[in-house]
Amino acid sequence: MGGKRSIAVPARILPRHAAFYWGVGVGVVVFAVCLLLSPKYAVPVAANAMFVTYLLLVRIEFPCLTAEFLQQRPDDADSPVAAIFLATILVAAVAMLFLFLALNGGQGRADPVEISVSVVSVLLGWFTVHTMAALHYAHEYYRDDPDEAGKVLGGLAFPGHEPPDGAAFLYFSYVLGMTAQVADVAVTSRAMRRLVTLHGVVSFFFNTVIVAATVNVVVTVAGG
């Protein structure tokens, strides 16, 4: 959790928040097109388009998220927390709802295409939520410490001596999302504990829904 260093910072590839806004824009366009062509698939296909666009753009930008970049420009890595998380979780929740409707709400034989598209949207939503969480952890970690000039807030103790980069925060977020525990990374601040607790609760319910959906898919396929 050392002080900031005077090292050249790589230029970011995309403007701040571009991945999220592009994802939403592509999702809206795909939703409108699907309403005209095949309304039945509009919501899950649009959700897939949003999630895929966001994840691809973050992947393109990821090489820029070095420890030096995050130390000197932490706000550029972050997403507008409340708006983005609420919007993304809402889209993921709607995708889950449509999956359960596809499995249980239709008359007669379930539509395998609708089920497949809905399953993919739920899984992509999982990756998107935890990727967004990783970027926010990076932002919180590298914020300036108001009580000590030249220091960062920190709040997570990673193994080793190198300052954490984007991959380290992605590792932390995905491990928490998969296991509901923080593995070999210690949480050392009150603010970070609040974030980790919220993330853990969201992960628990998300994973519970995925397990329930998996059981429903197996039962539907076996009974079909």
C-alpha atoms as a PDB file:
ATOM      1  CA  MET A   1       0.000   0.000   0.000  1.00  0.00           C
ATOM      2  CA  GLY A   2       2.930   2.279  -0.716  1.00  0.00           C
ATOM      3  CA  GLY A   3       2.952   5.873  -1.866  1.00  0.00           C
ATOM      4  CA  LYS A   4       2.406   6.991  -5.421  1.00  0.00           C
ATOM      5  CA  ARG A   5       5.341   6.894  -7.811  1.00  0.00           C
ATOM      6  CA  SER A   6       6.239   9.158 -10.731  1.00  0.00           C
ATOM      7  CA  ILE A   7       5.957   6.600 -13.510  1.00  0.00           C
ATOM      8  CA  ALA A   8       4.593   7.152 -16.996  1.00  0.00           C
ATOM      9  CA  VAL A   9       0.954   6.164 -17.056  1.00  0.00           C
ATOM     10  CA  PRO A  10      -0.343   4.294 -20.112  1.00  0.00           C
ATOM     11  CA  ALA A  11      -3.011   6.121 -22.068  1.00  0.00           C
ATOM     12  CA  ARG A  12      -6.393   4.516 -21.757  1.00  0.00           C
ATOM     13  CA  ILE A  13      -7.891   3.085 -24.928  1.00  0.00           C
ATOM     14  CA  LEU A  14     -11.497   4.119 -24.294  1.00  0.00           C
ATOM     15  CA  PRO A  15     -13.094   7.142 -22.622  1.00  0.00           C
ATOM     16  CA  ARG A  16     -14.211   6.772 -19.031  1.00  0.00           C
ATOM     17  CA  HIS A  17     -17.339   4.617 -18.623  1.00  0.00           C
ATOM     18  CA  ALA A  18     -17.393   3.936 -22.377  1.00  0.00           C
ATOM     19  CA  ALA A  19     -17.734   0.174 -21.921  1.00  0.00           C
ATOM     20  CA  PHE A  20     -20.919   0.530 -19.886  1.00  0.00           C
ATOM     21  CA  TYR A  21     -22.523   3.166 -22.103  1.00  0.00           C
ATOM     22  CA  TRP A  22     -21.672   1.272 -25.278  1.00  0.00           C
ATOM     23  CA  GLY A  23     -23.098  -1.868 -23.714  1.00  0.00           C
ATOM     24  CA  VAL A  24     -26.357  -0.125 -22.857  1.00  0.00           C
ATOM     25  CA  GLY A  25     -26.551   1.469 -26.297  1.00  0.00           C
ATOM     26  CA  VAL A  26     -26.006  -1.804 -28.130  1.00  0.00           C
ATOM     27  CA  GLY A  27     -28.513  -3.520 -25.851  1.00  0.00           C
ATOM     28  CA  VAL A  28     -31.187  -0.908 -26.576  1.00  0.00           C
ATOM     29  CA  VAL A  29     -30.644  -1.151 -30.339  1.00  0.00           C
ATOM     30  CA  VAL A  30     -30.765  -4.952 -30.271  1.00  0.00           C
ATOM     31  CA  PHE A  31     -33.904  -4.841 -28.127  1.00  0.00           C
ATOM     32  CA  ALA A  32     -35.632  -2.546 -30.633  1.00  0.00           C
ATOM     33  CA  VAL A  33     -34.640  -4.750 -33.574  1.00  0.00           C
ATOM     34  CA  CYS A  34     -35.799  -7.903 -31.792  1.00  0.00           C
ATOM     35  CA  LEU A  35     -39.157  -6.316 -30.987  1.00  0.00           C
ATOM     36  CA  LEU A  36     -39.699  -5.972 -34.727  1.00  0.00           C
ATOM     37  CA  LEU A  37     -38.329  -9.356 -35.758  1.00  0.00           C
ATOM     38  CA  SER A  38     -38.940 -11.708 -32.839  1.00  0.00           C
ATOM     39  CA  PRO A  39     -40.427 -10.113 -29.688  1.00  0.00           C
ATOM     40  CA  LYS A  40     -40.274 -13.388 -27.784  1.00  0.00           C
ATOM     41  CA  TYR A  41     -36.480 -13.230 -27.646  1.00  0.00           C
ATOM     42  CA  ALA A  42     -36.101  -9.454 -27.283  1.00  0.00           C
ATOM     43  CA  VAL A  43     -35.189  -9.256 -23.593  1.00  0.00           C
ATOM     44  CA  PRO A  44     -32.646 -12.095 -23.285  1.00  0.00           C
ATOM     45  CA  VAL A  45     -30.996 -11.311 -26.634  1.00  0.00           C
ATOM     46  CA  ALA A  46     -30.714  -7.615 -25.733  1.00  0.00           C
ATOM     47  CA  ALA A  47     -29.263  -8.537 -22.338  1.00  0.00           C
ATOM     48  CA  ASN A  48     -26.704 -10.770 -24.065  1.00  0.00           C
ATOM     49  CA  ALA A  49     -25.765  -7.945 -26.419  1.00  0.00           C
ATOM     50  CA  MET A  50     -25.269  -5.538 -23.525  1.00  0.00           C
ATOM     51  CA  PHE A  51     -23.190  -7.958 -21.474  1.00  0.00           C
ATOM     52  CA  VAL A  52     -21.022  -9.130 -24.390  1.00  0.00           C
ATOM     53  CA  THR A  53     -20.317  -5.564 -25.513  1.00  0.00           C
ATOM     54  CA  TYR A  54     -19.326  -4.497 -22.016  1.00  0.00           C
ATOM     55  CA  LEU A  55     -17.096  -7.516 -21.396  1.00  0.00           C
ATOM     56  CA  LEU A  56     -15.358  -7.228 -24.770  1.00  0.00           C
ATOM     57  CA  LEU A  57     -14.615  -3.531 -24.294  1.00  0.00           C
ATOM     58  CA  VAL A  58     -13.281  -4.118 -20.788  1.00  0.00           C
ATOM     59  CA  ARG A  59     -11.093  -6.897 -22.181  1.00  0.00           C
ATOM     60  CA  ILE A  60      -9.720  -4.531 -24.826  1.00  0.00           C
ATOM     61  CA  GLU A  61      -9.001  -1.911 -22.193  1.00  0.00           C
ATOM     62  CA  PHE A  62      -7.598  -4.289 -19.599  1.00  0.00           C
ATOM     63  CA  PRO A  63      -3.888  -3.992 -20.568  1.00  0.00           C
ATOM     64  CA  CYS A  64      -4.085  -0.313 -19.547  1.00  0.00           C
ATOM     65  CA  LEU A  65      -5.110  -1.152 -15.980  1.00  0.00           C
ATOM     66  CA  THR A  66      -1.598  -1.456 -14.607  1.00  0.00           C
ATOM     67  CA  ALA A  67      -0.809  -0.645 -10.990  1.00  0.00           C
ATOM     68  CA  GLU A  68       0.748   2.657 -12.101  1.00  0.00           C
ATOM     69  CA  PHE A  69      -2.357   3.654 -14.077  1.00  0.00           C
ATOM     70  CA  LEU A  70      -4.655   2.805 -11.173  1.00  0.00           C
ATOM     71  CA  GLN A  71      -2.469   4.666  -8.676  1.00  0.00           C
ATOM     72  CA  GLN A  72      -2.440   7.894 -10.654  1.00  0.00           C
ATOM     73  CA  ARG A  73      -5.900   7.762 -12.261  1.00  0.00           C
ATOM     74  CA  PRO A  74      -8.158   5.620 -10.045  1.00  0.00           C
ATOM     75  CA  ASP A  75     -11.350   7.400 -11.094  1.00  0.00           C
ATOM     76  CA  ASP A  76     -10.744   6.442 -14.721  1.00  0.00           C
ATOM     77  CA  ALA A  77     -11.030   2.758 -13.837  1.00  0.00           C
ATOM     78  CA  ASP A  78     -14.279   3.048 -11.944  1.00  0.00           C
ATOM     79  CA  SER A  79     -17.880   2.931 -13.008  1.00  0.00           C
ATOM     80  CA  PRO A  80     -20.629   5.242 -11.669  1.00  0.00           C
ATOM     81  CA  VAL A  81     -21.377   2.809  -8.903  1.00  0.00           C
ATOM     82  CA  ALA A  82     -25.039   3.236  -8.006  1.00  0.00           C
ATOM     83  CA  ALA A  83     -26.308   3.721 -11.554  1.00  0.00           C
ATOM     84  CA  ILE A  84     -24.249   0.978 -13.152  1.00  0.00           C
ATOM     85  CA  PHE A  85     -24.724  -1.673 -10.502  1.00  0.00           C
ATOM     86  CA  LEU A  86     -28.450  -1.049 -10.231  1.00  0.00           C
ATOM     87  CA  ALA A  87     -28.882  -1.082 -13.999  1.00  0.00           C
ATOM     88  CA  THR A  88     -26.788  -4.203 -14.472  1.00  0.00           C
ATOM     89  CA  ILE A  89     -28.373  -6.132 -11.610  1.00  0.00           C
ATOM     90  CA  LEU A  90     -31.805  -5.119 -12.909  1.00  0.00           C
ATOM     91  CA  VAL A  91     -30.982  -6.424 -16.387  1.00  0.00           C
ATOM     92  CA  ALA A  92     -29.574  -9.630 -14.889  1.00  0.00           C
ATOM     93  CA  ALA A  93     -32.683 -10.043 -12.717  1.00  0.00           C
ATOM     94  CA  VAL A  94     -34.967  -9.595 -15.721  1.00  0.00           C
ATOM     95  CA  ALA A  95     -32.893 -12.159 -17.634  1.00  0.00           C
ATOM     96  CA  MET A  96     -33.338 -14.587 -14.739  1.00  0.00           C
ATOM     97  CA  LEU A  97     -37.080 -13.934 -14.703  1.00  0.00           C
ATOM     98  CA  PHE A  98     -37.346 -14.664 -18.414  1.00  0.00           C
ATOM     99  CA  LEU A  99     -35.356 -17.857 -17.948  1.00  0.00           C
ATOM    100  CA  PHE A 100     -37.788 -19.131 -15.318  1.00  0.00           C
ATOM    101  CA  LEU A 101     -40.741 -18.056 -17.453  1.00  0.00           C
ATOM    102  CA  ALA A 102     -39.245 -19.930 -20.399  1.00  0.00           C
ATOM    103  CA  LEU A 103     -38.851 -23.008 -18.220  1.00  0.00           C
ATOM    104  CA  ASN A 104     -42.146 -22.929 -16.353  1.00  0.00           C
ATOM    105  CA  GLY A 105     -44.510 -20.359 -17.770  1.00  0.00           C
ATOM    106  CA  GLY A 106     -45.208 -21.531 -21.275  1.00  0.00           C
ATOM    107  CA  GLN A 107     -47.932 -23.764 -22.577  1.00  0.00           C
ATOM    108  CA  GLY A 108     -46.844 -27.095 -23.984  1.00  0.00           C
ATOM    109  CA  ARG A 109     -43.248 -27.911 -24.859  1.00  0.00           C
ATOM    110  CA  ALA A 110     -40.582 -25.452 -23.713  1.00  0.00           C
ATOM    111  CA  ASP A 111     -38.755 -23.534 -26.440  1.00  0.00           C
ATOM    112  CA  PRO A 112     -35.112 -24.749 -26.421  1.00  0.00           C
ATOM    113  CA  VAL A 113     -33.891 -21.606 -28.191  1.00  0.00           C
ATOM    114  CA  GLU A 114     -35.529 -19.330 -25.647  1.00  0.00           C
ATOM    115  CA  ILE A 115     -34.128 -21.398 -22.789  1.00  0.00           C
ATOM    116  CA  SER A 116     -30.623 -21.424 -24.281  1.00  0.00           C
ATOM    117  CA  VAL A 117     -30.564 -17.677 -24.896  1.00  0.00           C
ATOM    118  CA  SER A 118     -31.871 -17.007 -21.387  1.00  0.00           C
ATOM    119  CA  VAL A 119     -29.292 -19.307 -19.777  1.00  0.00           C
ATOM    120  CA  VAL A 120     -26.497 -17.521 -21.634  1.00  0.00           C
ATOM    121  CA  SER A 121     -27.816 -14.126 -20.513  1.00  0.00           C
ATOM    122  CA  VAL A 122     -27.794 -15.197 -16.861  1.00  0.00           C
ATOM    123  CA  LEU A 123     -24.216 -16.489 -17.125  1.00  0.00           C
ATOM    124  CA  LEU A 124     -23.006 -13.376 -18.945  1.00  0.00           C
ATOM    125  CA  GLY A 125     -24.744 -11.264 -16.308  1.00  0.00           C
ATOM    126  CA  TRP A 126     -22.737 -13.081 -13.643  1.00  0.00           C
ATOM    127  CA  PHE A 127     -19.448 -12.265 -15.367  1.00  0.00           C
ATOM    128  CA  THR A 128     -20.500  -8.656 -15.926  1.00  0.00           C
ATOM    129  CA  VAL A 129     -21.490  -7.984 -12.319  1.00  0.00           C
ATOM    130  CA  HIS A 130     -18.213  -9.364 -10.953  1.00  0.00           C
ATOM    131  CA  THR A 131     -16.125  -7.534 -13.551  1.00  0.00           C
ATOM    132  CA  MET A 132     -17.803  -4.268 -12.579  1.00  0.00           C
ATOM    133  CA  ALA A 133     -17.156  -5.057  -8.924  1.00  0.00           C
ATOM    134  CA  ALA A 134     -13.468  -5.638  -9.693  1.00  0.00           C
ATOM    135  CA  LEU A 135     -13.140  -2.200 -11.289  1.00  0.00           C
ATOM    136  CA  HIS A 136     -14.812  -0.584  -8.310  1.00  0.00           C
ATOM    137  CA  TYR A 137     -12.505  -2.369  -5.871  1.00  0.00           C
ATOM    138  CA  ALA A 138      -9.565  -0.938  -7.816  1.00  0.00           C
ATOM    139  CA  HIS A 139     -11.055   2.551  -7.592  1.00  0.00           C
ATOM    140  CA  GLU A 140     -11.641   2.286  -3.851  1.00  0.00           C
ATOM    141  CA  TYR A 141      -8.189   0.828  -3.188  1.00  0.00           C
ATOM    142  CA  TYR A 142      -6.279   3.548  -5.041  1.00  0.00           C
ATOM    143  CA  ARG A 143      -8.246   6.562  -3.852  1.00  0.00           C
ATOM    144  CA  ASP A 144      -6.159   9.190  -2.055  1.00  0.00           C
ATOM    145  CA  ASP A 145      -6.008   8.751   1.702  1.00  0.00           C
ATOM    146  CA  PRO A 146      -7.386  12.017   3.156  1.00  0.00           C
ATOM    147  CA  ASP A 147      -5.480  11.459   6.406  1.00  0.00           C
ATOM    148  CA  GLU A 148      -2.035  10.818   4.928  1.00  0.00           C
ATOM    149  CA  ALA A 149      -0.699  12.709   1.921  1.00  0.00           C
ATOM    150  CA  GLY A 150       0.848  10.625  -0.830  1.00  0.00           C
ATOM    151  CA  LYS A 151      -0.813   7.414   0.311  1.00  0.00           C
ATOM    152  CA  VAL A 152      -3.718   5.421  -1.059  1.00  0.00           C
ATOM    153  CA  LEU A 153      -6.673   4.184   0.975  1.00  0.00           C
ATOM    154  CA  GLY A 154      -5.971   0.513   0.316  1.00  0.00           C
ATOM    155  CA  GLY A 155      -8.265  -1.769   2.286  1.00  0.00           C
ATOM    156  CA  LEU A 156      -7.147  -5.041   0.708  1.00  0.00           C
ATOM    157  CA  ALA A 157      -3.901  -6.849   1.546  1.00  0.00           C
ATOM    158  CA  PHE A 158      -2.739  -8.908  -1.432  1.00  0.00           C
ATOM    159  CA  PRO A 159       0.023 -11.518  -1.069  1.00  0.00           C
ATOM    160  CA  GLY A 160       3.457 -10.421  -2.231  1.00  0.00           C
ATOM    161  CA  HIS A 161       5.028  -6.976  -2.431  1.00  0.00           C
ATOM    162  CA  GLU A 162       3.931  -5.698  -5.850  1.00  0.00           C
ATOM    163  CA  PRO A 163       1.063  -3.177  -5.952  1.00  0.00           C
ATOM    164  CA  PRO A 164      -2.124  -4.800  -7.292  1.00  0.00           C
ATOM    165  CA  ASP A 165      -3.125  -4.255 -10.912  1.00  0.00           C
ATOM    166  CA  GLY A 166      -6.423  -4.863 -12.686  1.00  0.00           C
ATOM    167  CA  ALA A 167      -5.854  -8.614 -12.825  1.00  0.00           C
ATOM    168  CA  ALA A 168      -5.407  -8.750  -9.041  1.00  0.00           C
ATOM    169  CA  PHE A 169      -8.754  -7.043  -8.446  1.00  0.00           C
ATOM    170  CA  LEU A 170     -10.419  -9.243 -11.040  1.00  0.00           C
ATOM    171  CA  TYR A 171      -9.054 -12.298  -9.215  1.00  0.00           C
ATOM    172  CA  PHE A 172     -10.366 -11.021  -5.884  1.00  0.00           C
ATOM    173  CA  SER A 173     -13.808 -10.221  -7.297  1.00  0.00           C
ATOM    174  CA  TYR A 174     -14.240 -13.522  -9.137  1.00  0.00           C
ATOM    175  CA  VAL A 175     -13.088 -15.604  -6.164  1.00  0.00           C
ATOM    176  CA  LEU A 176     -15.574 -13.768  -3.948  1.00  0.00           C
ATOM    177  CA  GLY A 177     -18.272 -14.218  -6.574  1.00  0.00           C
ATOM    178  CA  MET A 178     -17.650 -17.955  -6.892  1.00  0.00           C
ATOM    179  CA  THR A 179     -16.965 -18.939  -3.297  1.00  0.00           C
ATOM    180  CA  ALA A 180     -18.414 -16.135  -1.120  1.00  0.00           C
ATOM    181  CA  GLN A 181     -15.024 -15.846   0.590  1.00  0.00           C
ATOM    182  CA  VAL A 182     -11.932 -13.728   0.052  1.00  0.00           C
ATOM    183  CA  ALA A 183      -9.343 -16.540  -0.163  1.00  0.00           C
ATOM    184  CA  ASP A 184      -5.782 -15.252   0.341  1.00  0.00           C
ATOM    185  CA  VAL A 185      -6.631 -11.532   0.222  1.00  0.00           C
ATOM    186  CA  ALA A 186      -7.283  -9.855   3.581  1.00  0.00           C
ATOM    187  CA  VAL A 187      -9.844  -7.058   3.964  1.00  0.00           C
ATOM    188  CA  THR A 188      -8.278  -4.371   6.156  1.00  0.00           C
ATOM    189  CA  SER A 189     -10.612  -1.350   6.165  1.00  0.00           C
ATOM    190  CA  ARG A 190     -14.166  -0.638   7.246  1.00  0.00           C
ATOM    191  CA  ALA A 191     -15.159   0.867   3.891  1.00  0.00           C
ATOM    192  CA  MET A 192     -13.859  -2.137   1.981  1.00  0.00           C
ATOM    193  CA  ARG A 193     -15.641  -4.524   4.369  1.00  0.00           C
ATOM    194  CA  ARG A 194     -18.934  -2.830   3.524  1.00  0.00           C
ATOM    195  CA  LEU A 195     -18.293  -3.292  -0.190  1.00  0.00           C
ATOM    196  CA  VAL A 196     -17.218  -6.900   0.261  1.00  0.00           C
ATOM    197  CA  THR A 197     -20.305  -7.649   2.367  1.00  0.00           C
ATOM    198  CA  LEU A 198     -22.639  -6.171  -0.251  1.00  0.00           C
ATOM    199  CA  HIS A 199     -20.813  -8.020  -3.022  1.00  0.00           C
ATOM    200  CA  GLY A 200     -21.003 -11.266  -1.051  1.00  0.00           C
ATOM    201  CA  VAL A 201     -24.763 -10.936  -0.514  1.00  0.00           C
ATOM    202  CA  VAL A 202     -25.366 -10.224  -4.209  1.00  0.00           C
ATOM    203  CA  SER A 203     -23.131 -13.167  -5.133  1.00  0.00           C
ATOM    204  CA  PHE A 204     -24.992 -15.507  -2.800  1.00  0.00           C
ATOM    205  CA  PHE A 205     -28.384 -14.746  -4.320  1.00  0.00           C
ATOM    206  CA  PHE A 206     -27.006 -14.744  -7.868  1.00  0.00           C
ATOM    207  CA  ASN A 207     -25.387 -18.148  -7.370  1.00  0.00           C
ATOM    208  CA  THR A 208     -28.530 -19.502  -5.711  1.00  0.00           C
ATOM    209  CA  VAL A 209     -30.582 -18.478  -8.732  1.00  0.00           C
ATOM    210  CA  ILE A 210     -28.049 -20.070 -11.093  1.00  0.00           C
ATOM    211  CA  VAL A 211     -28.223 -23.356  -9.170  1.00  0.00           C
ATOM    212  CA  ALA A 212     -32.029 -23.255  -9.183  1.00  0.00           C
ATOM    213  CA  ALA A 213     -32.044 -22.466 -12.896  1.00  0.00           C
ATOM    214  CA  THR A 214     -29.677 -25.360 -13.582  1.00  0.00           C
ATOM    215  CA  VAL A 215     -31.985 -27.761 -11.752  1.00  0.00           C
ATOM    216  CA  ASN A 216     -34.967 -26.410 -13.688  1.00  0.00           C
ATOM    217  CA  VAL A 217     -33.171 -26.806 -17.009  1.00  0.00           C
ATOM    218  CA  VAL A 218     -32.213 -30.403 -16.203  1.00  0.00           C
ATOM    219  CA  VAL A 219     -35.765 -31.246 -15.135  1.00  0.00           C
ATOM    220  CA  THR A 220     -37.251 -29.575 -18.208  1.00  0.00           C
ATOM    221  CA  VAL A 221     -34.860 -31.297 -20.610  1.00  0.00           C
ATOM    222  CA  ALA A 222     -35.326 -34.671 -18.917  1.00  0.00           C
ATOM    223  CA  GLY A 223     -39.091 -34.308 -18.957  1.00  0.00           C
ATOM    224  CA  GLY A 224     -39.212 -33.037 -22.518  1.00  0.00           C
END
